[in-house]
Amino acid sequence: MCQATLTAERLEALPAALRRRPELVALRYAVALAAGAREAPGRTGYLATLAFNVARLQRLEALLAAAHAAGLRLMPIKGALLVRTHYGDPGARAMVDVDLVCAPSDLPRAVELGRDLGMHRHDPETFRTARGASHDVKLVDGGLIIELHHRLWHELRVARDVEPLLARARPVPFGATTAWAPDEADHLYVVLVHAAMHGFVGNPLWLTDAALLVAGAREPLLPRVEALAVAARARVALAAARDQLHLAMPWLDVGDGGAAPLRRALLRRMAPWLQRGEGELGVWSSRLVRPLLFDRPRDLGSWALEKLAMWRG
C-alpha cells in the first residue's frame, strides 16, 4: 500500500459520514498496522475481512488458473485485483463479491470452469434479462459470489462493451497463476463510472481504489480517462465522480471534467447525504441520482420509459 497515499491522518480527515462506514474499518486498521502501531481500533473487523478475502482469493486463483490453462482472458477488476496489486494486504480492502470481466463469447466456457470448481450459475431475473437490464452472470458457492461481467454496466446509455478493455489488458502475476489486468486508465475509468452507476452510495472503497490508482500510475491517467468517457458518453458520470472524490479527498488532484455544471453542483450539495451509503438511505437513493448523470438529456425520457416497462413486466 502506498503509505504516502493512504495514511491514518488522511483517513481520519475523511468526512464524518464516510469515517463511520463499516467498509472502512479493516482499511483503517491495516493502515495503522503498516505504520507500526501496536494497538488500533478495528482489529476484529480486519481479521474478519482477512479471513473472508483469503478464502475468496484462493477460489479466484483456482478459477484464473483454469482459465489460463484454457486460454481464456478473465480480468479481475476493482477490489479483486487491487487488493493484490495496490493495497498489499488481503485484509485491507473489504469486498462483497469478486468482479471478473469476461468476453461474452467466453462466458459459457467460464461458467463451465466455475462448475468444475464446485460453483453454480445464477442468472439475473428473467424480466431484467429480457429488457437488457443486466450485465453479469454470477458463479455462487455458499457465501462466495464471483460476478462474470460480460458487459461493464447497463445504465445511462454509456458504452458497455468489454472487448476493448480485454484487448488492452496485460498479464500480471496473481498468486501462483496469472491474471489479466486492465490498463491503468481503463481501470480508473471503470472505478469512477461504476461508482456513478450506483449513485455514489455503494461501497465507499471506490474512493480509496481511485486514490491508489491515481497515485500509483506511471503517468497522468486523467487525460486518457476523459477520452474514454467522451467516447462512451460518460462525461457527466465521470465528472460527477471526480467531484465526489475531490470532496472526500481534497488532497488528491483530480481536476475538473467540465460537464453539466448545474447537475454536478446539485450532486456536490448532496454529497454529505450520499456519503452515508445505501444501507442507511435505501436502494432508491441511487435511482434518484442516476437521472442527473446522463450525457444527453434526451436519453433520460427513453430510459425512464424502459424502466417503467421493465418494472411493470
C-alpha atoms as a PDB file:
ATOM      1  CA  MET A   1       0.000   0.000   0.000  1.00  0.00           C
ATOM      2  CA  CYS A   2       1.345   3.424  -0.877  1.00  0.00           C
ATOM      3  CA  GLN A   3       1.917   4.926   2.550  1.00  0.00           C
ATOM      4  CA  ALA A   4       2.010   8.460   1.167  1.00  0.00           C
ATOM      5  CA  THR A   5      -1.404   7.976  -0.446  1.00  0.00           C
ATOM      6  CA  LEU A   6      -3.485   6.408   2.329  1.00  0.00           C
ATOM      7  CA  THR A   7      -2.283   7.493   5.742  1.00  0.00           C
ATOM      8  CA  ALA A   8      -4.060   7.359   9.082  1.00  0.00           C
ATOM      9  CA  GLU A   9      -4.226  11.161   9.037  1.00  0.00           C
ATOM     10  CA  ARG A  10      -5.861  11.253   5.629  1.00  0.00           C
ATOM     11  CA  LEU A  11      -8.367   8.569   6.524  1.00  0.00           C
ATOM     12  CA  GLU A  12      -9.221  10.485   9.701  1.00  0.00           C
ATOM     13  CA  ALA A  13      -9.737  13.608   7.581  1.00  0.00           C
ATOM     14  CA  LEU A  14     -12.483  11.947   5.528  1.00  0.00           C
ATOM     15  CA  PRO A  15     -15.953  13.439   6.006  1.00  0.00           C
ATOM     16  CA  ALA A  16     -17.653  12.148   9.143  1.00  0.00           C
ATOM     17  CA  ALA A  17     -20.296  10.174   7.239  1.00  0.00           C
ATOM     18  CA  LEU A  18     -17.573   8.255   5.410  1.00  0.00           C
ATOM     19  CA  ARG A  19     -15.475   7.655   8.534  1.00  0.00           C
ATOM     20  CA  ARG A  20     -18.466   5.920  10.100  1.00  0.00           C
ATOM     21  CA  ARG A  21     -18.900   3.483   7.207  1.00  0.00           C
ATOM     22  CA  PRO A  22     -18.153  -0.115   8.312  1.00  0.00           C
ATOM     23  CA  GLU A  23     -16.459  -0.879   4.989  1.00  0.00           C
ATOM     24  CA  LEU A  24     -13.507   1.301   6.048  1.00  0.00           C
ATOM     25  CA  VAL A  25     -12.855  -0.405   9.390  1.00  0.00           C
ATOM     26  CA  ALA A  26     -10.435  -3.004   8.035  1.00  0.00           C
ATOM     27  CA  LEU A  27      -8.581  -0.459   5.907  1.00  0.00           C
ATOM     28  CA  ARG A  28      -8.087   1.939   8.794  1.00  0.00           C
ATOM     29  CA  TYR A  29      -6.707  -0.876  10.933  1.00  0.00           C
ATOM     30  CA  ALA A  30      -4.406  -2.096   8.125  1.00  0.00           C
ATOM     31  CA  VAL A  31      -3.044   1.415   7.595  1.00  0.00           C
ATOM     32  CA  ALA A  32      -2.339   1.788  11.313  1.00  0.00           C
ATOM     33  CA  LEU A  33      -0.673  -1.632  11.354  1.00  0.00           C
ATOM     34  CA  ALA A  34       1.511  -0.774   8.351  1.00  0.00           C
ATOM     35  CA  ALA A  35       2.565   2.466  10.069  1.00  0.00           C
ATOM     36  CA  GLY A  36       3.851   0.477  13.046  1.00  0.00           C
ATOM     37  CA  ALA A  37       1.024   0.976  15.509  1.00  0.00           C
ATOM     38  CA  ARG A  38       0.867  -1.691  18.219  1.00  0.00           C
ATOM     39  CA  GLU A  39      -2.788  -1.071  19.025  1.00  0.00           C
ATOM     40  CA  ALA A  40      -5.565   0.315  16.855  1.00  0.00           C
ATOM     41  CA  PRO A  41      -9.349   0.056  16.757  1.00  0.00           C
ATOM     42  CA  GLY A  42     -10.919  -2.330  14.279  1.00  0.00           C
ATOM     43  CA  ARG A  43      -8.829  -5.463  14.803  1.00  0.00           C
ATOM     44  CA  THR A  44     -11.865  -7.768  14.829  1.00  0.00           C
ATOM     45  CA  GLY A  45     -13.209  -6.272  11.614  1.00  0.00           C
ATOM     46  CA  TYR A  46      -9.809  -6.517   9.980  1.00  0.00           C
ATOM     47  CA  LEU A  47      -9.403 -10.195  10.906  1.00  0.00           C
ATOM     48  CA  ALA A  48     -12.898 -10.980   9.631  1.00  0.00           C
ATOM     49  CA  THR A  49     -12.136  -9.219   6.333  1.00  0.00           C
ATOM     50  CA  LEU A  50      -8.803 -11.016   6.079  1.00  0.00           C
ATOM     51  CA  ALA A  51     -10.408 -14.441   6.542  1.00  0.00           C
ATOM     52  CA  PHE A  52     -13.193 -13.590   4.087  1.00  0.00           C
ATOM     53  CA  ASN A  53     -10.788 -12.309   1.434  1.00  0.00           C
ATOM     54  CA  VAL A  54      -8.182 -15.042   1.714  1.00  0.00           C
ATOM     55  CA  ALA A  55     -10.811 -17.734   1.161  1.00  0.00           C
ATOM     56  CA  ARG A  56     -12.245 -15.935  -1.846  1.00  0.00           C
ATOM     57  CA  LEU A  57      -8.901 -15.051  -3.367  1.00  0.00           C
ATOM     58  CA  GLN A  58      -7.930 -18.719  -3.200  1.00  0.00           C
ATOM     59  CA  ARG A  59     -11.083 -19.685  -5.116  1.00  0.00           C
ATOM     60  CA  LEU A  60     -10.500 -16.856  -7.568  1.00  0.00           C
ATOM     61  CA  GLU A  61      -6.925 -18.001  -8.094  1.00  0.00           C
ATOM     62  CA  ALA A  62      -8.163 -21.513  -8.887  1.00  0.00           C
ATOM     63  CA  LEU A  63     -10.614 -20.146 -11.465  1.00  0.00           C
ATOM     64  CA  LEU A  64      -7.958 -17.909 -13.027  1.00  0.00           C
ATOM     65  CA  ALA A  65      -5.543 -20.843 -13.245  1.00  0.00           C
ATOM     66  CA  ALA A  66      -8.188 -22.937 -15.009  1.00  0.00           C
ATOM     67  CA  ALA A  67      -8.957 -20.041 -17.373  1.00  0.00           C
ATOM     68  CA  HIS A  68      -5.256 -19.511 -18.085  1.00  0.00           C
ATOM     69  CA  ALA A  69      -4.852 -23.199 -18.942  1.00  0.00           C
ATOM     70  CA  ALA A  70      -7.910 -22.968 -21.223  1.00  0.00           C
ATOM     71  CA  GLY A  71      -6.671 -19.831 -22.975  1.00  0.00           C
ATOM     72  CA  LEU A  72      -9.456 -17.576 -21.641  1.00  0.00           C
ATOM     73  CA  ARG A  73      -8.926 -13.949 -20.675  1.00  0.00           C
ATOM     74  CA  LEU A  74     -10.624 -13.404 -17.323  1.00  0.00           C
ATOM     75  CA  MET A  75      -9.806  -9.977 -15.911  1.00  0.00           C
ATOM     76  CA  PRO A  76     -10.248  -9.140 -12.212  1.00  0.00           C
ATOM     77  CA  ILE A  77     -11.264  -5.547 -11.573  1.00  0.00           C
ATOM     78  CA  LYS A  78     -11.722  -3.275  -8.575  1.00  0.00           C
ATOM     79  CA  GLY A  79     -11.087  -4.934  -5.212  1.00  0.00           C
ATOM     80  CA  ALA A  80     -10.485  -8.394  -6.664  1.00  0.00           C
ATOM     81  CA  LEU A  81      -7.322  -7.118  -8.354  1.00  0.00           C
ATOM     82  CA  LEU A  82      -6.378  -4.034  -6.324  1.00  0.00           C
ATOM     83  CA  VAL A  83      -6.264  -5.928  -3.024  1.00  0.00           C
ATOM     84  CA  ARG A  84      -3.248  -7.729  -4.522  1.00  0.00           C
ATOM     85  CA  THR A  85      -1.678  -5.039  -6.709  1.00  0.00           C
ATOM     86  CA  HIS A  86      -2.211  -1.818  -4.724  1.00  0.00           C
ATOM     87  CA  TYR A  87      -3.374  -2.453  -1.162  1.00  0.00           C
ATOM     88  CA  GLY A  88      -0.677  -5.013  -0.431  1.00  0.00           C
ATOM     89  CA  ASP A  89      -2.679  -6.585   2.394  1.00  0.00           C
ATOM     90  CA  PRO A  90      -5.513  -9.041   1.731  1.00  0.00           C
ATOM     91  CA  GLY A  91      -7.279  -7.816   4.860  1.00  0.00           C
ATOM     92  CA  ALA A  92      -7.210  -4.127   3.936  1.00  0.00           C
ATOM     93  CA  ARG A  93      -9.847  -3.977   1.225  1.00  0.00           C
ATOM     94  CA  ALA A  94     -13.306  -5.241   2.170  1.00  0.00           C
ATOM     95  CA  MET A  95     -15.205  -6.933  -0.667  1.00  0.00           C
ATOM     96  CA  VAL A  96     -18.795  -8.086  -1.034  1.00  0.00           C
ATOM     97  CA  ASP A  97     -18.217 -10.123  -4.179  1.00  0.00           C
ATOM     98  CA  VAL A  98     -15.474 -10.758  -6.733  1.00  0.00           C
ATOM     99  CA  ASP A  99     -15.689  -8.978 -10.089  1.00  0.00           C
ATOM    100  CA  LEU A 100     -14.278 -10.535 -13.262  1.00  0.00           C
ATOM    101  CA  VAL A 101     -14.554  -9.207 -16.800  1.00  0.00           C
ATOM    102  CA  CYS A 102     -15.284 -11.920 -19.368  1.00  0.00           C
ATOM    103  CA  ALA A 103     -15.865 -11.619 -23.110  1.00  0.00           C
ATOM    104  CA  PRO A 104     -19.463 -12.610 -23.990  1.00  0.00           C
ATOM    105  CA  SER A 105     -18.156 -15.309 -26.339  1.00  0.00           C
ATOM    106  CA  ASP A 106     -16.143 -16.827 -23.463  1.00  0.00           C
ATOM    107  CA  LEU A 107     -18.983 -16.766 -20.944  1.00  0.00           C
ATOM    108  CA  PRO A 108     -20.234 -20.378 -21.470  1.00  0.00           C
ATOM    109  CA  ARG A 109     -16.710 -21.760 -21.076  1.00  0.00           C
ATOM    110  CA  ALA A 110     -16.032 -19.606 -17.992  1.00  0.00           C
ATOM    111  CA  VAL A 111     -19.252 -20.843 -16.386  1.00  0.00           C
ATOM    112  CA  GLU A 112     -18.232 -24.417 -17.173  1.00  0.00           C
ATOM    113  CA  LEU A 113     -14.874 -23.859 -15.466  1.00  0.00           C
ATOM    114  CA  GLY A 114     -16.680 -22.473 -12.422  1.00  0.00           C
ATOM    115  CA  ARG A 115     -18.919 -25.519 -12.280  1.00  0.00           C
ATOM    116  CA  ASP A 116     -15.855 -27.764 -12.415  1.00  0.00           C
ATOM    117  CA  LEU A 117     -14.680 -25.952  -9.267  1.00  0.00           C
ATOM    118  CA  GLY A 118     -17.956 -26.526  -7.414  1.00  0.00           C
ATOM    119  CA  MET A 119     -19.794 -23.289  -8.214  1.00  0.00           C
ATOM    120  CA  HIS A 120     -23.211 -22.958  -9.807  1.00  0.00           C
ATOM    121  CA  ARG A 121     -24.555 -20.379 -12.222  1.00  0.00           C
ATOM    122  CA  HIS A 122     -27.033 -17.770 -11.028  1.00  0.00           C
ATOM    123  CA  ASP A 123     -28.634 -15.590 -13.704  1.00  0.00           C
ATOM    124  CA  PRO A 124     -30.453 -12.274 -13.217  1.00  0.00           C
ATOM    125  CA  GLU A 125     -34.239 -12.290 -13.070  1.00  0.00           C
ATOM    126  CA  THR A 126     -35.897 -13.067 -16.402  1.00  0.00           C
ATOM    127  CA  PHE A 127     -37.572  -9.668 -16.680  1.00  0.00           C
ATOM    128  CA  ARG A 128     -34.170  -7.961 -16.344  1.00  0.00           C
ATOM    129  CA  THR A 129     -32.518 -10.171 -18.938  1.00  0.00           C
ATOM    130  CA  ALA A 130     -35.412  -9.666 -21.374  1.00  0.00           C
ATOM    131  CA  ARG A 131     -35.001  -5.885 -21.159  1.00  0.00           C
ATOM    132  CA  GLY A 132     -31.205  -5.916 -21.377  1.00  0.00           C
ATOM    133  CA  ALA A 133     -31.057  -4.633 -17.803  1.00  0.00           C
ATOM    134  CA  SER A 134     -28.260  -6.909 -16.678  1.00  0.00           C
ATOM    135  CA  HIS A 135     -24.543  -7.069 -17.225  1.00  0.00           C
ATOM    136  CA  ASP A 136     -23.247 -10.094 -15.345  1.00  0.00           C
ATOM    137  CA  VAL A 137     -23.722 -13.755 -14.529  1.00  0.00           C
ATOM    138  CA  LYS A 138     -22.893 -14.957 -11.036  1.00  0.00           C
ATOM    139  CA  LEU A 139     -20.956 -18.036 -10.016  1.00  0.00           C
ATOM    140  CA  VAL A 140     -22.066 -18.919  -6.491  1.00  0.00           C
ATOM    141  CA  ASP A 141     -20.891 -21.349  -3.837  1.00  0.00           C
ATOM    142  CA  GLY A 142     -22.282 -20.603  -0.405  1.00  0.00           C
ATOM    143  CA  GLY A 143     -21.028 -17.154   0.568  1.00  0.00           C
ATOM    144  CA  LEU A 144     -18.716 -16.942  -2.440  1.00  0.00           C
ATOM    145  CA  ILE A 145     -20.031 -14.831  -5.322  1.00  0.00           C
ATOM    146  CA  ILE A 146     -17.971 -14.302  -8.463  1.00  0.00           C
ATOM    147  CA  GLU A 147     -19.589 -11.929 -10.940  1.00  0.00           C
ATOM    148  CA  LEU A 148     -18.684 -12.546 -14.580  1.00  0.00           C
ATOM    149  CA  HIS A 149     -19.175  -9.168 -16.247  1.00  0.00           C
ATOM    150  CA  HIS A 150     -19.869  -9.730 -19.930  1.00  0.00           C
ATOM    151  CA  ARG A 151     -20.821  -6.051 -20.089  1.00  0.00           C
ATOM    152  CA  LEU A 152     -19.439  -3.247 -17.967  1.00  0.00           C
ATOM    153  CA  TRP A 153     -22.891  -1.960 -16.963  1.00  0.00           C
ATOM    154  CA  HIS A 154     -26.339  -1.364 -18.412  1.00  0.00           C
ATOM    155  CA  GLU A 155     -27.261   2.130 -17.257  1.00  0.00           C
ATOM    156  CA  LEU A 156     -27.201   5.701 -18.606  1.00  0.00           C
ATOM    157  CA  ARG A 157     -26.720   4.770 -22.285  1.00  0.00           C
ATOM    158  CA  VAL A 158     -22.987   4.516 -21.593  1.00  0.00           C
ATOM    159  CA  ALA A 159     -20.986   2.227 -23.911  1.00  0.00           C
ATOM    160  CA  ARG A 160     -20.656  -1.107 -22.185  1.00  0.00           C
ATOM    161  CA  ASP A 161     -18.599  -3.470 -24.369  1.00  0.00           C
ATOM    162  CA  VAL A 162     -15.807  -5.241 -22.507  1.00  0.00           C
ATOM    163  CA  GLU A 163     -13.797  -6.380 -25.538  1.00  0.00           C
ATOM    164  CA  PRO A 164     -11.789  -3.117 -25.896  1.00  0.00           C
ATOM    165  CA  LEU A 165     -10.666  -3.369 -22.265  1.00  0.00           C
ATOM    166  CA  LEU A 166      -9.723  -7.007 -22.648  1.00  0.00           C
ATOM    167  CA  ALA A 167      -7.722  -6.183 -25.792  1.00  0.00           C
ATOM    168  CA  ARG A 168      -5.660  -3.626 -23.844  1.00  0.00           C
ATOM    169  CA  ALA A 169      -5.205  -5.877 -20.778  1.00  0.00           C
ATOM    170  CA  ARG A 170      -1.825  -7.245 -19.764  1.00  0.00           C
ATOM    171  CA  PRO A 171      -0.881 -10.425 -17.884  1.00  0.00           C
ATOM    172  CA  VAL A 172       0.217  -9.982 -14.264  1.00  0.00           C
ATOM    173  CA  PRO A 173       1.191 -12.457 -11.535  1.00  0.00           C
ATOM    174  CA  PHE A 174      -1.722 -13.451  -9.322  1.00  0.00           C
ATOM    175  CA  GLY A 175      -0.634 -15.779  -6.542  1.00  0.00           C
ATOM    176  CA  ALA A 176       0.595 -18.972  -8.179  1.00  0.00           C
ATOM    177  CA  THR A 177      -1.063 -18.184 -11.509  1.00  0.00           C
ATOM    178  CA  THR A 178      -1.561 -15.331 -13.984  1.00  0.00           C
ATOM    179  CA  ALA A 179      -4.405 -12.848 -14.301  1.00  0.00           C
ATOM    180  CA  TRP A 180      -5.227 -10.310 -16.965  1.00  0.00           C
ATOM    181  CA  ALA A 181      -5.117  -6.771 -15.553  1.00  0.00           C
ATOM    182  CA  PRO A 182      -6.771  -3.774 -17.195  1.00  0.00           C
ATOM    183  CA  ASP A 183      -4.803  -0.841 -18.472  1.00  0.00           C
ATOM    184  CA  GLU A 184      -4.499   1.675 -15.619  1.00  0.00           C
ATOM    185  CA  ALA A 185      -6.602   4.335 -17.371  1.00  0.00           C
ATOM    186  CA  ASP A 186      -9.278   1.752 -18.192  1.00  0.00           C
ATOM    187  CA  HIS A 187      -9.319   0.634 -14.572  1.00  0.00           C
ATOM    188  CA  LEU A 188      -9.644   4.154 -13.159  1.00  0.00           C
ATOM    189  CA  TYR A 189     -12.401   4.884 -15.676  1.00  0.00           C
ATOM    190  CA  VAL A 190     -14.310   1.760 -14.588  1.00  0.00           C
ATOM    191  CA  VAL A 191     -13.887   2.552 -10.871  1.00  0.00           C
ATOM    192  CA  LEU A 192     -15.162   6.125 -11.251  1.00  0.00           C
ATOM    193  CA  VAL A 193     -18.038   5.486 -13.651  1.00  0.00           C
ATOM    194  CA  HIS A 194     -19.130   2.364 -11.762  1.00  0.00           C
ATOM    195  CA  ALA A 195     -19.425   4.496  -8.613  1.00  0.00           C
ATOM    196  CA  ALA A 196     -21.689   6.879 -10.519  1.00  0.00           C
ATOM    197  CA  MET A 197     -23.816   3.965 -11.754  1.00  0.00           C
ATOM    198  CA  HIS A 198     -24.515   3.187  -8.087  1.00  0.00           C
ATOM    199  CA  GLY A 199     -25.356   6.797  -7.333  1.00  0.00           C
ATOM    200  CA  PHE A 200     -22.210   7.113  -5.175  1.00  0.00           C
ATOM    201  CA  VAL A 201     -23.920   5.206  -2.350  1.00  0.00           C
ATOM    202  CA  GLY A 202     -22.319   1.803  -2.894  1.00  0.00           C
ATOM    203  CA  ASN A 203     -19.113   0.540  -1.304  1.00  0.00           C
ATOM    204  CA  PRO A 204     -17.152   3.724  -0.400  1.00  0.00           C
ATOM    205  CA  LEU A 205     -13.853   1.968  -1.084  1.00  0.00           C
ATOM    206  CA  TRP A 206     -14.180   3.119  -4.688  1.00  0.00           C
ATOM    207  CA  LEU A 207     -12.670   6.333  -3.301  1.00  0.00           C
ATOM    208  CA  THR A 208      -9.536   4.623  -1.995  1.00  0.00           C
ATOM    209  CA  ASP A 209      -9.343   2.436  -5.103  1.00  0.00           C
ATOM    210  CA  ALA A 210      -9.275   5.586  -7.236  1.00  0.00           C
ATOM    211  CA  ALA A 211      -6.749   7.313  -4.967  1.00  0.00           C
ATOM    212  CA  LEU A 212      -4.353   4.367  -5.193  1.00  0.00           C
ATOM    213  CA  LEU A 213      -4.734   4.101  -8.965  1.00  0.00           C
ATOM    214  CA  VAL A 214      -4.042   7.820  -9.439  1.00  0.00           C
ATOM    215  CA  ALA A 215      -1.055   7.842  -7.076  1.00  0.00           C
ATOM    216  CA  GLY A 216       0.434   4.590  -8.341  1.00  0.00           C
ATOM    217  CA  ALA A 217       0.280   5.363 -12.050  1.00  0.00           C
ATOM    218  CA  ARG A 218       3.471   5.779 -14.033  1.00  0.00           C
ATOM    219  CA  GLU A 219       1.951   8.717 -15.933  1.00  0.00           C
ATOM    220  CA  PRO A 220      -1.072  11.021 -15.518  1.00  0.00           C
ATOM    221  CA  LEU A 221      -4.181   8.949 -16.151  1.00  0.00           C
ATOM    222  CA  LEU A 222      -6.964  11.505 -16.224  1.00  0.00           C
ATOM    223  CA  PRO A 223      -6.470  12.775 -19.807  1.00  0.00           C
ATOM    224  CA  ARG A 224      -6.866   9.215 -21.092  1.00  0.00           C
ATOM    225  CA  VAL A 225      -9.771   8.583 -18.727  1.00  0.00           C
ATOM    226  CA  GLU A 226     -11.508  11.703 -20.044  1.00  0.00           C
ATOM    227  CA  ALA A 227     -11.047  10.492 -23.618  1.00  0.00           C
ATOM    228  CA  LEU A 228     -12.610   7.153 -22.715  1.00  0.00           C
ATOM    229  CA  ALA A 229     -15.572   8.928 -21.115  1.00  0.00           C
ATOM    230  CA  VAL A 230     -16.154  11.176 -24.128  1.00  0.00           C
ATOM    231  CA  ALA A 231     -16.119   8.199 -26.485  1.00  0.00           C
ATOM    232  CA  ALA A 232     -18.506   6.247 -24.240  1.00  0.00           C
ATOM    233  CA  ARG A 233     -20.938   9.104 -23.491  1.00  0.00           C
ATOM    234  CA  ALA A 234     -19.971   9.071 -19.819  1.00  0.00           C
ATOM    235  CA  ARG A 235     -18.637  12.628 -19.421  1.00  0.00           C
ATOM    236  CA  VAL A 236     -21.209  13.644 -16.828  1.00  0.00           C
ATOM    237  CA  ALA A 237     -20.871  10.456 -14.805  1.00  0.00           C
ATOM    238  CA  LEU A 238     -17.082  10.781 -14.787  1.00  0.00           C
ATOM    239  CA  ALA A 239     -17.113  14.471 -13.896  1.00  0.00           C
ATOM    240  CA  ALA A 240     -19.570  13.875 -11.054  1.00  0.00           C
ATOM    241  CA  ALA A 241     -17.396  11.032  -9.732  1.00  0.00           C
ATOM    242  CA  ARG A 242     -14.353  13.302  -9.782  1.00  0.00           C
ATOM    243  CA  ASP A 243     -16.338  15.903  -7.816  1.00  0.00           C
ATOM    244  CA  GLN A 244     -17.324  13.351  -5.181  1.00  0.00           C
ATOM    245  CA  LEU A 245     -13.737  12.087  -4.992  1.00  0.00           C
ATOM    246  CA  HIS A 246     -12.393  15.615  -4.523  1.00  0.00           C
ATOM    247  CA  LEU A 247     -14.942  16.391  -1.805  1.00  0.00           C
ATOM    248  CA  ALA A 248     -13.901  13.281   0.117  1.00  0.00           C
ATOM    249  CA  MET A 249     -10.156  13.615  -0.569  1.00  0.00           C
ATOM    250  CA  PRO A 250      -9.324  17.273  -1.338  1.00  0.00           C
ATOM    251  CA  TRP A 251      -5.598  16.490  -1.265  1.00  0.00           C
ATOM    252  CA  LEU A 252      -5.968  14.353  -4.413  1.00  0.00           C
ATOM    253  CA  ASP A 253      -5.592  16.226  -7.706  1.00  0.00           C
ATOM    254  CA  VAL A 254      -8.414  15.014  -9.949  1.00  0.00           C
ATOM    255  CA  GLY A 255      -9.032  18.167 -11.981  1.00  0.00           C
ATOM    256  CA  ASP A 256     -12.410  19.200 -13.367  1.00  0.00           C
ATOM    257  CA  GLY A 257     -14.359  17.362 -16.028  1.00  0.00           C
ATOM    258  CA  GLY A 258     -16.236  20.486 -17.162  1.00  0.00           C
ATOM    259  CA  ALA A 259     -19.525  18.718 -17.961  1.00  0.00           C
ATOM    260  CA  ALA A 260     -23.052  19.589 -16.743  1.00  0.00           C
ATOM    261  CA  PRO A 261     -22.076  22.174 -14.084  1.00  0.00           C
ATOM    262  CA  LEU A 262     -25.588  22.680 -12.687  1.00  0.00           C
ATOM    263  CA  ARG A 263     -26.308  18.985 -12.230  1.00  0.00           C
ATOM    264  CA  ARG A 264     -22.884  18.444 -10.698  1.00  0.00           C
ATOM    265  CA  ALA A 265     -23.409  21.366  -8.334  1.00  0.00           C
ATOM    266  CA  LEU A 266     -26.580  19.689  -7.089  1.00  0.00           C
ATOM    267  CA  LEU A 267     -24.722  16.412  -6.581  1.00  0.00           C
ATOM    268  CA  ARG A 268     -21.986  18.217  -4.665  1.00  0.00           C
ATOM    269  CA  ARG A 269     -24.625  19.629  -2.345  1.00  0.00           C
ATOM    270  CA  MET A 270     -25.981  16.113  -1.898  1.00  0.00           C
ATOM    271  CA  ALA A 271     -22.542  14.684  -1.037  1.00  0.00           C
ATOM    272  CA  PRO A 272     -22.989  14.543   2.783  1.00  0.00           C
ATOM    273  CA  TRP A 273     -26.212  12.601   2.227  1.00  0.00           C
ATOM    274  CA  LEU A 274     -24.692  10.274  -0.380  1.00  0.00           C
ATOM    275  CA  GLN A 275     -21.689   9.540   1.834  1.00  0.00           C
ATOM    276  CA  ARG A 276     -23.969   7.846   4.338  1.00  0.00           C
ATOM    277  CA  GLY A 277     -24.415   4.935   1.937  1.00  0.00           C
ATOM    278  CA  GLU A 278     -27.218   2.856   0.518  1.00  0.00           C
ATOM    279  CA  GLY A 279     -27.508   0.754   3.671  1.00  0.00           C
ATOM    280  CA  GLU A 280     -28.815   3.757   5.562  1.00  0.00           C
ATOM    281  CA  LEU A 281     -30.619   5.535   2.734  1.00  0.00           C
ATOM    282  CA  GLY A 282     -32.251   2.609   0.948  1.00  0.00           C
ATOM    283  CA  VAL A 283     -31.956   1.315  -2.598  1.00  0.00           C
ATOM    284  CA  TRP A 284     -33.948   4.211  -4.059  1.00  0.00           C
ATOM    285  CA  SER A 285     -31.197   6.687  -3.247  1.00  0.00           C
ATOM    286  CA  SER A 286     -29.029   5.579  -6.170  1.00  0.00           C
ATOM    287  CA  ARG A 287     -32.036   5.608  -8.500  1.00  0.00           C
ATOM    288  CA  LEU A 288     -32.698   9.220  -7.606  1.00  0.00           C
ATOM    289  CA  VAL A 289     -29.145  10.196  -8.529  1.00  0.00           C
ATOM    290  CA  ARG A 290     -28.927   8.463 -11.907  1.00  0.00           C
ATOM    291  CA  PRO A 291     -31.243  10.859 -13.809  1.00  0.00           C
ATOM    292  CA  LEU A 292     -28.670  13.617 -13.137  1.00  0.00           C
ATOM    293  CA  LEU A 293     -25.866  11.709 -14.857  1.00  0.00           C
ATOM    294  CA  PHE A 294     -26.932  11.349 -18.488  1.00  0.00           C
ATOM    295  CA  ASP A 295     -24.636  12.898 -21.083  1.00  0.00           C
ATOM    296  CA  ARG A 296     -27.589  13.512 -23.389  1.00  0.00           C
ATOM    297  CA  PRO A 297     -30.684  14.731 -21.527  1.00  0.00           C
ATOM    298  CA  ARG A 298     -32.956  13.341 -24.273  1.00  0.00           C
ATOM    299  CA  ASP A 299     -31.842   9.858 -23.222  1.00  0.00           C
ATOM    300  CA  LEU A 300     -33.482  10.353 -19.837  1.00  0.00           C
ATOM    301  CA  GLY A 301     -37.014  10.041 -21.209  1.00  0.00           C
ATOM    302  CA  SER A 302     -36.372   6.825 -23.113  1.00  0.00           C
ATOM    303  CA  TRP A 303     -34.504   5.397 -20.115  1.00  0.00           C
ATOM    304  CA  ALA A 304     -37.451   6.198 -17.835  1.00  0.00           C
ATOM    305  CA  LEU A 305     -39.898   4.528 -20.229  1.00  0.00           C
ATOM    306  CA  GLU A 306     -37.701   1.420 -20.369  1.00  0.00           C
ATOM    307  CA  LYS A 307     -37.556   1.276 -16.563  1.00  0.00           C
ATOM    308  CA  LEU A 308     -41.323   1.612 -16.319  1.00  0.00           C
ATOM    309  CA  ALA A 309     -41.829  -1.176 -18.845  1.00  0.00           C
ATOM    310  CA  MET A 310     -39.361  -3.411 -17.029  1.00  0.00           C
ATOM    311  CA  TRP A 311     -40.953  -2.922 -13.608  1.00  0.00           C
ATOM    312  CA  ARG A 312     -44.461  -3.413 -14.997  1.00  0.00           C
ATOM    313  CA  GLY A 313     -43.318  -6.548 -16.811  1.00  0.00           C
END
